[in-house]
């Protein structure tokens, strides 16, 4: 079954239309991937902000624990000194 000139033209036109639609579809997919890449870049930026805040919190926690630890040690030394003094007075 051979195609005449008009049949070949219609087939070529149909094929060109189909390929054009495919190209348009791929262009839409590429645009969506670009949007996803932008969204991921935004999320990465937010993670960096969270990491920086966690680092700040960690530093603040270490400072606070150090202060409380030193206060506890000082209190324990003072209490032991008082206990030794009381025992010495009761003898």
PDB file of N, CA and C in Angstrom:
ATOM      1  N   UNK A   1       0.844  -1.158   0.000  1.00  0.00           N
ATOM      2  CA  UNK A   1       0.000   0.000   0.000  1.00  0.00           C
ATOM      3  C   UNK A   1       0.906   1.243   0.000  1.00  0.00           C
ATOM      4  N   UNK A   2       1.023   1.840  -1.108  1.00  0.00           N
ATOM      5  CA  UNK A   2       1.866   3.021  -1.285  1.00  0.00           C
ATOM      6  C   UNK A   2       1.047   4.274  -1.027  1.00  0.00           C
ATOM      7  N   UNK A   3       1.705   5.231  -0.422  1.00  0.00           N
ATOM      8  CA  UNK A   3       1.047   6.502  -0.150  1.00  0.00           C
ATOM      9  C   UNK A   3       1.260   7.434  -1.329  1.00  0.00           C
ATOM     10  N   UNK A   4       0.217   8.152  -1.655  1.00  0.00           N
ATOM     11  CA  UNK A   4       0.379   9.173  -2.686  1.00  0.00           C
ATOM     12  C   UNK A   4       0.998  10.417  -2.049  1.00  0.00           C
ATOM     13  N   UNK A   5       1.236  11.417  -2.840  1.00  0.00           N
ATOM     14  CA  UNK A   5       1.884  12.647  -2.368  1.00  0.00           C
ATOM     15  C   UNK A   5       1.087  13.306  -1.257  1.00  0.00           C
ATOM     16  N   UNK A   6      -0.219  13.370  -1.363  1.00  0.00           N
ATOM     17  CA  UNK A   6      -1.066  13.989  -0.333  1.00  0.00           C
ATOM     18  C   UNK A   6      -1.015  13.170   0.951  1.00  0.00           C
ATOM     19  N   UNK A   7      -0.990  11.862   0.852  1.00  0.00           N
ATOM     20  CA  UNK A   7      -0.913  10.983   2.022  1.00  0.00           C
ATOM     21  C   UNK A   7       0.394  11.153   2.751  1.00  0.00           C
ATOM     22  N   UNK A   8       1.481  11.248   1.979  1.00  0.00           N
ATOM     23  CA  UNK A   8       2.787  11.477   2.588  1.00  0.00           C
ATOM     24  C   UNK A   8       2.832  12.843   3.290  1.00  0.00           C
ATOM     25  N   UNK A   9       2.229  13.835   2.681  1.00  0.00           N
ATOM     26  CA  UNK A   9       2.197  15.160   3.274  1.00  0.00           C
ATOM     27  C   UNK A   9       1.424  15.146   4.596  1.00  0.00           C
ATOM     28  N   UNK A  10       0.269  14.475   4.608  1.00  0.00           N
ATOM     29  CA  UNK A  10      -0.530  14.380   5.837  1.00  0.00           C
ATOM     30  C   UNK A  10       0.240  13.617   6.912  1.00  0.00           C
ATOM     31  N   UNK A  11       0.902  12.543   6.517  1.00  0.00           N
ATOM     32  CA  UNK A  11       1.681  11.755   7.469  1.00  0.00           C
ATOM     33  C   UNK A  11       2.839  12.588   8.034  1.00  0.00           C
ATOM     34  N   UNK A  12       3.524  13.304   7.173  1.00  0.00           N
ATOM     35  CA  UNK A  12       4.626  14.156   7.609  1.00  0.00           C
ATOM     36  C   UNK A  12       4.121  15.265   8.528  1.00  0.00           C
ATOM     37  N   UNK A  13       2.991  15.865   8.172  1.00  0.00           N
ATOM     38  CA  UNK A  13       2.402  16.919   8.999  1.00  0.00           C
ATOM     39  C   UNK A  13       1.997  16.371  10.353  1.00  0.00           C
ATOM     40  N   UNK A  14       1.369  15.205  10.360  1.00  0.00           N
ATOM     41  CA  UNK A  14       0.946  14.577  11.619  1.00  0.00           C
ATOM     42  C   UNK A  14       2.159  14.245  12.485  1.00  0.00           C
ATOM     43  N   UNK A  15       3.200  13.717  11.871  1.00  0.00           N
ATOM     44  CA  UNK A  15       4.422  13.389  12.610  1.00  0.00           C
ATOM     45  C   UNK A  15       5.057  14.659  13.179  1.00  0.00           C
ATOM     46  N   UNK A  16       5.103  15.728  12.391  1.00  0.00           N
ATOM     47  CA  UNK A  16       5.671  16.990  12.865  1.00  0.00           C
ATOM     48  C   UNK A  16       4.843  17.544  14.023  1.00  0.00           C
ATOM     49  N   UNK A  17       3.505  17.444  13.920  1.00  0.00           N
ATOM     50  CA  UNK A  17       2.642  17.910  15.018  1.00  0.00           C
ATOM     51  C   UNK A  17       2.892  17.099  16.283  1.00  0.00           C
ATOM     52  N   UNK A  18       3.000  15.797  16.137  1.00  0.00           N
ATOM     53  CA  UNK A  18       3.234  14.919  17.284  1.00  0.00           C
ATOM     54  C   UNK A  18       4.575  15.241  17.929  1.00  0.00           C
ATOM     55  N   UNK A  19       5.614  15.417  17.105  1.00  0.00           N
ATOM     56  CA  UNK A  19       6.934  15.755  17.650  1.00  0.00           C
ATOM     57  C   UNK A  19       6.910  17.128  18.308  1.00  0.00           C
ATOM     58  N   UNK A  20       6.166  18.054  17.752  1.00  0.00           N
ATOM     59  CA  UNK A  20       6.033  19.375  18.355  1.00  0.00           C
ATOM     60  C   UNK A  20       5.349  19.300  19.708  1.00  0.00           C
ATOM     61  N   UNK A  21       4.326  18.458  19.815  1.00  0.00           N
ATOM     62  CA  UNK A  21       3.644  18.272  21.100  1.00  0.00           C
ATOM     63  C   UNK A  21       4.581  17.627  22.113  1.00  0.00           C
ATOM     64  N   UNK A  22       5.378  16.657  21.634  1.00  0.00           N
ATOM     65  CA  UNK A  22       6.349  16.023  22.529  1.00  0.00           C
ATOM     66  C   UNK A  22       7.368  17.036  23.026  1.00  0.00           C
ATOM     67  N   UNK A  23       7.851  17.882  22.117  1.00  0.00           N
ATOM     68  CA  UNK A  23       8.811  18.921  22.513  1.00  0.00           C
ATOM     69  C   UNK A  23       8.197  19.867  23.535  1.00  0.00           C
ATOM     70  N   UNK A  24       6.946  20.246  23.319  1.00  0.00           N
ATOM     71  CA  UNK A  24       6.267  21.133  24.267  1.00  0.00           C
ATOM     72  C   UNK A  24       6.111  20.445  25.622  1.00  0.00           C
ATOM     73  N   UNK A  25       5.790  19.148  25.596  1.00  0.00           N
ATOM     74  CA  UNK A  25       5.659  18.393  26.846  1.00  0.00           C
ATOM     75  C   UNK A  25       6.982  18.322  27.590  1.00  0.00           C
ATOM     76  N   UNK A  26       8.062  18.070  26.859  1.00  0.00           N
ATOM     77  CA  UNK A  26       9.377  18.030  27.495  1.00  0.00           C
ATOM     78  C   UNK A  26       9.772  19.405  28.030  1.00  0.00           C
ATOM     79  N   UNK A  27       9.396  20.451  27.338  1.00  0.00           N
ATOM     80  CA  UNK A  27       9.692  21.806  27.822  1.00  0.00           C
ATOM     81  C   UNK A  27       8.952  22.066  29.130  1.00  0.00           C
ATOM     82  N   UNK A  28       7.703  21.605  29.238  1.00  0.00           N
ATOM     83  CA  UNK A  28       6.955  21.769  30.496  1.00  0.00           C
ATOM     84  C   UNK A  28       7.615  20.982  31.622  1.00  0.00           C
ATOM     85  N   UNK A  29       8.050  19.770  31.325  1.00  0.00           N
ATOM     86  CA  UNK A  29       8.721  18.946  32.343  1.00  0.00           C
ATOM     87  C   UNK A  29      10.024  19.617  32.774  1.00  0.00           C
ATOM     88  N   UNK A  30      10.779  20.152  31.804  1.00  0.00           N
ATOM     89  CA  UNK A  30      12.021  20.860  32.146  1.00  0.00           C
ATOM     90  C   UNK A  30      11.729  22.056  33.048  1.00  0.00           C
ATOM     91  N   UNK A  31      10.661  22.791  32.755  1.00  0.00           N
ATOM     92  CA  UNK A  31      10.297  23.950  33.578  1.00  0.00           C
ATOM     93  C   UNK A  31       9.920  23.509  34.991  1.00  0.00           C
ATOM     94  N   UNK A  32       9.214  22.387  35.097  1.00  0.00           N
ATOM     95  CA  UNK A  32       8.839  21.881  36.419  1.00  0.00           C
ATOM     96  C   UNK A  32      10.076  21.440  37.198  1.00  0.00           C
ATOM     97  N   UNK A  33      11.023  20.797  36.529  1.00  0.00           N
ATOM     98  CA  UNK A  33      12.270  20.412  37.205  1.00  0.00           C
ATOM     99  C   UNK A  33      13.039  21.640  37.661  1.00  0.00           C
ATOM    100  N   UNK A  34      13.010  22.697  36.860  1.00  0.00           N
ATOM    101  CA  UNK A  34      13.681  23.934  37.273  1.00  0.00           C
ATOM    102  C   UNK A  34      13.017  24.494  38.526  1.00  0.00           C
ATOM    103  N   UNK A  35      11.687  24.440  38.592  1.00  0.00           N
ATOM    104  CA  UNK A  35      10.980  24.912  39.788  1.00  0.00           C
ATOM    105  C   UNK A  35      11.337  24.046  40.997  1.00  0.00           C
ATOM    106  N   UNK A  36      11.434  22.748  40.797  1.00  0.00           N
ATOM    107  CA  UNK A  36      11.812  21.850  41.896  1.00  0.00           C
ATOM    108  C   UNK A  36      13.230  22.174  42.372  1.00  0.00           C
ATOM    109  N   UNK A  37      14.133  22.436  41.439  1.00  0.00           N
ATOM    110  CA  UNK A  37      15.508  22.783  41.816  1.00  0.00           C
ATOM    111  C   UNK A  37      15.526  24.068  42.641  1.00  0.00           C
ATOM    112  N   UNK A  38      14.708  25.046  42.252  1.00  0.00           N
ATOM    113  CA  UNK A  38      14.630  26.301  43.008  1.00  0.00           C
ATOM    114  C   UNK A  38      14.080  26.027  44.410  1.00  0.00           C
ATOM    115  N   UNK A  39      13.064  25.175  44.476  1.00  0.00           N
ATOM    116  CA  UNK A  39      12.480  24.841  45.783  1.00  0.00           C
ATOM    117  C   UNK A  39      13.501  24.145  46.673  1.00  0.00           C
ATOM    118  N   UNK A  40      14.263  23.213  46.109  1.00  0.00           N
ATOM    119  CA  UNK A  40      15.291  22.530  46.896  1.00  0.00           C
ATOM    120  C   UNK A  40      16.366  23.505  47.361  1.00  0.00           C
ATOM    121  N   UNK A  41      16.724  24.455  46.524  1.00  0.00           N
ATOM    122  CA  UNK A  41      17.717  25.456  46.931  1.00  0.00           C
ATOM    123  C   UNK A  41      17.182  26.263  48.105  1.00  0.00           C
ATOM    124  N   UNK A  42      15.892  26.588  48.077  1.00  0.00           N
ATOM    125  CA  UNK A  42      15.278  27.320  49.185  1.00  0.00           C
ATOM    126  C   UNK A  42      15.301  26.482  50.469  1.00  0.00           C
ATOM    127  N   UNK A  43      14.965  25.205  50.333  1.00  0.00           N
ATOM    128  CA  UNK A  43      14.976  24.299  51.494  1.00  0.00           C
ATOM    129  C   UNK A  43      16.396  24.166  52.045  1.00  0.00           C
ATOM    130  N   UNK A  44      17.376  24.055  51.156  1.00  0.00           N
ATOM    131  CA  UNK A  44      18.770  23.984  51.615  1.00  0.00           C
ATOM    132  C   UNK A  44      19.142  25.231  52.407  1.00  0.00           C
ATOM    133  N   UNK A  45      18.708  26.384  51.924  1.00  0.00           N
ATOM    134  CA  UNK A  45      18.978  27.625  52.650  1.00  0.00           C
ATOM    135  C   UNK A  45      18.365  27.613  54.031  1.00  0.00           C
ATOM    136  N   UNK A  46      17.156  27.098  54.130  1.00  0.00           N
ATOM    137  CA  UNK A  46      16.500  27.013  55.440  1.00  0.00           C
ATOM    138  C   UNK A  46      17.252  26.062  56.368  1.00  0.00           C
ATOM    139  N   UNK A  47      17.743  24.944  55.835  1.00  0.00           N
ATOM    140  CA  UNK A  47      18.521  24.011  56.658  1.00  0.00           C
ATOM    141  C   UNK A  47      19.787  24.677  57.183  1.00  0.00           C
ATOM    142  N   UNK A  48      20.431  25.496  56.354  1.00  0.00           N
ATOM    143  CA  UNK A  48      21.624  26.208  56.824  1.00  0.00           C
ATOM    144  C   UNK A  48      21.260  27.154  57.961  1.00  0.00           C
ATOM    145  N   UNK A  49      20.105  27.801  57.868  1.00  0.00           N
ATOM    146  CA  UNK A  49      19.661  28.690  58.945  1.00  0.00           C
ATOM    147  C   UNK A  49      19.413  27.892  60.225  1.00  0.00           C
ATOM    148  N   UNK A  50      18.769  26.740  60.089  1.00  0.00           N
ATOM    149  CA  UNK A  50      18.497  25.892  61.260  1.00  0.00           C
ATOM    150  C   UNK A  50      19.806  25.406  61.866  1.00  0.00           C
ATOM    151  N   UNK A  51      20.749  24.995  61.024  1.00  0.00           N
ATOM    152  CA  UNK A  51      22.054  24.552  61.533  1.00  0.00           C
ATOM    153  C   UNK A  51      22.749  25.663  62.312  1.00  0.00           C
ATOM    154  N   UNK A  52      22.681  26.883  61.794  1.00  0.00           N
ATOM    155  CA  UNK A  52      23.318  28.014  62.485  1.00  0.00           C
ATOM    156  C   UNK A  52      22.644  28.258  63.832  1.00  0.00           C
ATOM    157  N   UNK A  53      21.320  28.187  63.874  1.00  0.00           N
ATOM    158  CA  UNK A  53      20.613  28.391  65.142  1.00  0.00           C
ATOM    159  C   UNK A  53      20.932  27.282  66.135  1.00  0.00           C
ATOM    160  N   UNK A  54      21.008  26.040  65.657  1.00  0.00           N
ATOM    161  CA  UNK A  54      21.358  24.933  66.546  1.00  0.00           C
ATOM    162  C   UNK A  54      22.773  25.096  67.088  1.00  0.00           C
ATOM    163  N   UNK A  55      23.671  25.567  66.253  1.00  0.00           N
ATOM    164  CA  UNK A  55      25.043  25.805  66.717  1.00  0.00           C
ATOM    165  C   UNK A  55      25.057  26.872  67.807  1.00  0.00           C
ATOM    166  N   UNK A  56      24.278  27.936  67.593  1.00  0.00           N
ATOM    167  CA  UNK A  56      24.182  28.986  68.621  1.00  0.00           C
ATOM    168  C   UNK A  56      23.593  28.435  69.918  1.00  0.00           C
ATOM    169  N   UNK A  57      22.555  27.619  69.798  1.00  0.00           N
ATOM    170  CA  UNK A  57      21.944  27.027  70.989  1.00  0.00           C
ATOM    171  C   UNK A  57      22.909  26.109  71.713  1.00  0.00           C
ATOM    172  N   UNK A  58      23.678  25.351  70.951  1.00  0.00           N
ATOM    173  CA  UNK A  58      24.660  24.447  71.546  1.00  0.00           C
ATOM    174  C   UNK A  58      25.699  25.245  72.328  1.00  0.00           C
ATOM    175  N   UNK A  59      26.169  26.332  71.753  1.00  0.00           N
ATOM    176  CA  UNK A  59      27.143  27.183  72.435  1.00  0.00           C
ATOM    177  C   UNK A  59      26.556  27.757  73.720  1.00  0.00           C
ATOM    178  N   UNK A  60      25.325  28.253  73.633  1.00  0.00           N
ATOM    179  CA  UNK A  60      24.662  28.815  74.814  1.00  0.00           C
ATOM    180  C   UNK A  60      24.451  27.751  75.891  1.00  0.00           C
ATOM    181  N   UNK A  61      24.085  26.535  75.480  1.00  0.00           N
ATOM    182  CA  UNK A  61      23.891  25.440  76.431  1.00  0.00           C
ATOM    183  C   UNK A  61      25.192  25.110  77.146  1.00  0.00           C
ATOM    184  N   UNK A  62      26.292  25.050  76.412  1.00  0.00           N
ATOM    185  CA  UNK A  62      27.583  24.750  77.026  1.00  0.00           C
ATOM    186  C   UNK A  62      27.970  25.825  78.040  1.00  0.00           C
ATOM    187  N   UNK A  63      27.741  27.090  77.680  1.00  0.00           N
ATOM    188  CA  UNK A  63      28.050  28.175  78.617  1.00  0.00           C
ATOM    189  C   UNK A  63      27.202  28.054  79.879  1.00  0.00           C
ATOM    190  N   UNK A  64      25.909  27.808  79.717  1.00  0.00           N
ATOM    191  CA  UNK A  64      25.003  27.709  80.863  1.00  0.00           C
ATOM    192  C   UNK A  64      25.362  26.516  81.743  1.00  0.00           C
ATOM    193  N   UNK A  65      25.642  25.378  81.131  1.00  0.00           N
ATOM    194  CA  UNK A  65      26.023  24.197  81.917  1.00  0.00           C
ATOM    195  C   UNK A  65      27.313  24.448  82.691  1.00  0.00           C
ATOM    196  N   UNK A  66      28.267  25.142  82.064  1.00  0.00           N
ATOM    197  CA  UNK A  66      29.523  25.453  82.743  1.00  0.00           C
ATOM    198  C   UNK A  66      29.271  26.325  83.973  1.00  0.00           C
ATOM    199  N   UNK A  67      28.452  27.343  83.821  1.00  0.00           N
ATOM    200  CA  UNK A  67      28.145  28.236  84.942  1.00  0.00           C
ATOM    201  C   UNK A  67      27.456  27.465  86.059  1.00  0.00           C
ATOM    202  N   UNK A  68      26.469  26.631  85.706  1.00  0.00           N
ATOM    203  CA  UNK A  68      25.752  25.875  86.730  1.00  0.00           C
ATOM    204  C   UNK A  68      26.647  24.841  87.410  1.00  0.00           C
ATOM    205  N   UNK A  69      27.509  24.214  86.628  1.00  0.00           N
ATOM    206  CA  UNK A  69      28.433  23.239  87.204  1.00  0.00           C
ATOM    207  C   UNK A  69      29.371  23.906  88.212  1.00  0.00           C
ATOM    208  N   UNK A  70      29.912  25.060  87.839  1.00  0.00           N
ATOM    209  CA  UNK A  70      30.809  25.777  88.761  1.00  0.00           C
ATOM    210  C   UNK A  70      30.067  26.230  90.014  1.00  0.00           C
ATOM    211  N   UNK A  71      28.824  26.665  89.850  1.00  0.00           N
ATOM    212  CA  UNK A  71      28.021  27.071  91.014  1.00  0.00           C
ATOM    213  C   UNK A  71      27.768  25.866  91.918  1.00  0.00           C
ATOM    214  N   UNK A  72      27.489  24.720  91.340  1.00  0.00           N
ATOM    215  CA  UNK A  72      27.240  23.507  92.124  1.00  0.00           C
ATOM    216  C   UNK A  72      28.498  23.091  92.878  1.00  0.00           C
ATOM    217  N   UNK A  73      29.640  23.113  92.217  1.00  0.00           N
ATOM    218  CA  UNK A  73      30.898  22.756  92.869  1.00  0.00           C
ATOM    219  C   UNK A  73      31.187  23.726  94.024  1.00  0.00           C
ATOM    220  N   UNK A  74      30.982  25.010  93.786  1.00  0.00           N
ATOM    221  CA  UNK A  74      31.216  26.012  94.834  1.00  0.00           C
ATOM    222  C   UNK A  74      30.303  25.772  96.029  1.00  0.00           C
ATOM    223  N   UNK A  75      29.040  25.468  95.760  1.00  0.00           N
ATOM    224  CA  UNK A  75      28.087  25.194  96.833  1.00  0.00           C
ATOM    225  C   UNK A  75      28.490  23.944  97.612  1.00  0.00           C
ATOM    226  N   UNK A  76      28.914  22.912  96.890  1.00  0.00           N
ATOM    227  CA  UNK A  76      29.327  21.673  97.566  1.00  0.00           C
ATOM    228  C   UNK A  76      30.556  21.909  98.454  1.00  0.00           C
ATOM    229  N   UNK A  77      31.516  22.683  97.971  1.00  0.00           N
ATOM    230  CA  UNK A  77      32.700  22.987  98.782  1.00  0.00           C
ATOM    231  C   UNK A  77      32.297  23.774 100.025  1.00  0.00           C
ATOM    232  N   UNK A  78      31.425  24.748  99.838  1.00  0.00           N
ATOM    233  CA  UNK A  78      30.977  25.553 100.989  1.00  0.00           C
ATOM    234  C   UNK A  78      30.236  24.685 101.997  1.00  0.00           C
ATOM    235  N   UNK A  79      29.371  23.799 101.529  1.00  0.00           N
ATOM    236  CA  UNK A  79      28.618  22.918 102.435  1.00  0.00           C
ATOM    237  C   UNK A  79      29.563  21.976 103.174  1.00  0.00           C
ATOM    238  N   UNK A  80      30.540  21.437 102.486  1.00  0.00           N
ATOM    239  CA  UNK A  80      31.507  20.545 103.147  1.00  0.00           C
ATOM    240  C   UNK A  80      32.331  21.296 104.186  1.00  0.00           C
ATOM    241  N   UNK A  81      32.717  22.516 103.865  1.00  0.00           N
ATOM    242  CA  UNK A  81      33.467  23.334 104.817  1.00  0.00           C
ATOM    243  C   UNK A  81      32.623  23.591 106.066  1.00  0.00           C
ATOM    244  N   UNK A  82      31.335  23.891 105.860  1.00  0.00           N
ATOM    245  CA  UNK A  82      30.440  24.112 107.003  1.00  0.00           C
ATOM    246  C   UNK A  82      30.298  22.847 107.831  1.00  0.00           C
ATOM    247  N   UNK A  83      30.166  21.704 107.192  1.00  0.00           N
ATOM    248  CA  UNK A  83      30.011  20.443 107.918  1.00  0.00           C
ATOM    249  C   UNK A  83      31.276  20.135 108.725  1.00  0.00           C
ATOM    250  N   UNK A  84      32.424  20.341 108.135  1.00  0.00           N
ATOM    251  CA  UNK A  84      33.674  20.108 108.862  1.00  0.00           C
ATOM    252  C   UNK A  84      33.758  21.065 110.046  1.00  0.00           C
ATOM    253  N   UNK A  85      33.378  22.319 109.854  1.00  0.00           N
ATOM    254  CA  UNK A  85      33.415  23.300 110.949  1.00  0.00           C
ATOM    255  C   UNK A  85      32.447  22.911 112.057  1.00  0.00           C
ATOM    256  N   UNK A  86      31.256  22.465 111.715  1.00  0.00           N
ATOM    257  CA  UNK A  86      30.261  22.063 112.723  1.00  0.00           C
ATOM    258  C   UNK A  86      30.760  20.863 113.492  1.00  0.00           C
ATOM    259  N   UNK A  87      31.322  19.871 112.799  1.00  0.00           N
ATOM    260  CA  UNK A  87      31.856  18.683 113.469  1.00  0.00           C
ATOM    261  C   UNK A  87      32.988  19.087 114.405  1.00  0.00           C
ATOM    262  N   UNK A  88      33.870  19.997 113.941  1.00  0.00           N
ATOM    263  CA  UNK A  88      34.976  20.449 114.789  1.00  0.00           C
ATOM    264  C   UNK A  88      34.477  21.195 116.028  1.00  0.00           C
ATOM    265  N   UNK A  89      33.398  21.952 115.904  1.00  0.00           N
ATOM    266  CA  UNK A  89      32.839  22.684 117.061  1.00  0.00           C
ATOM    267  C   UNK A  89      32.159  21.725 118.050  1.00  0.00           C
ATOM    268  N   UNK A  90      31.583  20.663 117.539  1.00  0.00           N
ATOM    269  CA  UNK A  90      30.872  19.723 118.425  1.00  0.00           C
ATOM    270  C   UNK A  90      31.830  18.817 119.176  1.00  0.00           C
ATOM    271  N   UNK A  91      33.064  18.753 118.833  1.00  0.00           N
ATOM    272  CA  UNK A  91      33.993  17.879 119.553  1.00  0.00           C
ATOM    273  C   UNK A  91      34.407  18.420 120.826  1.00  0.00           C
TER     274      UNK A  91
END
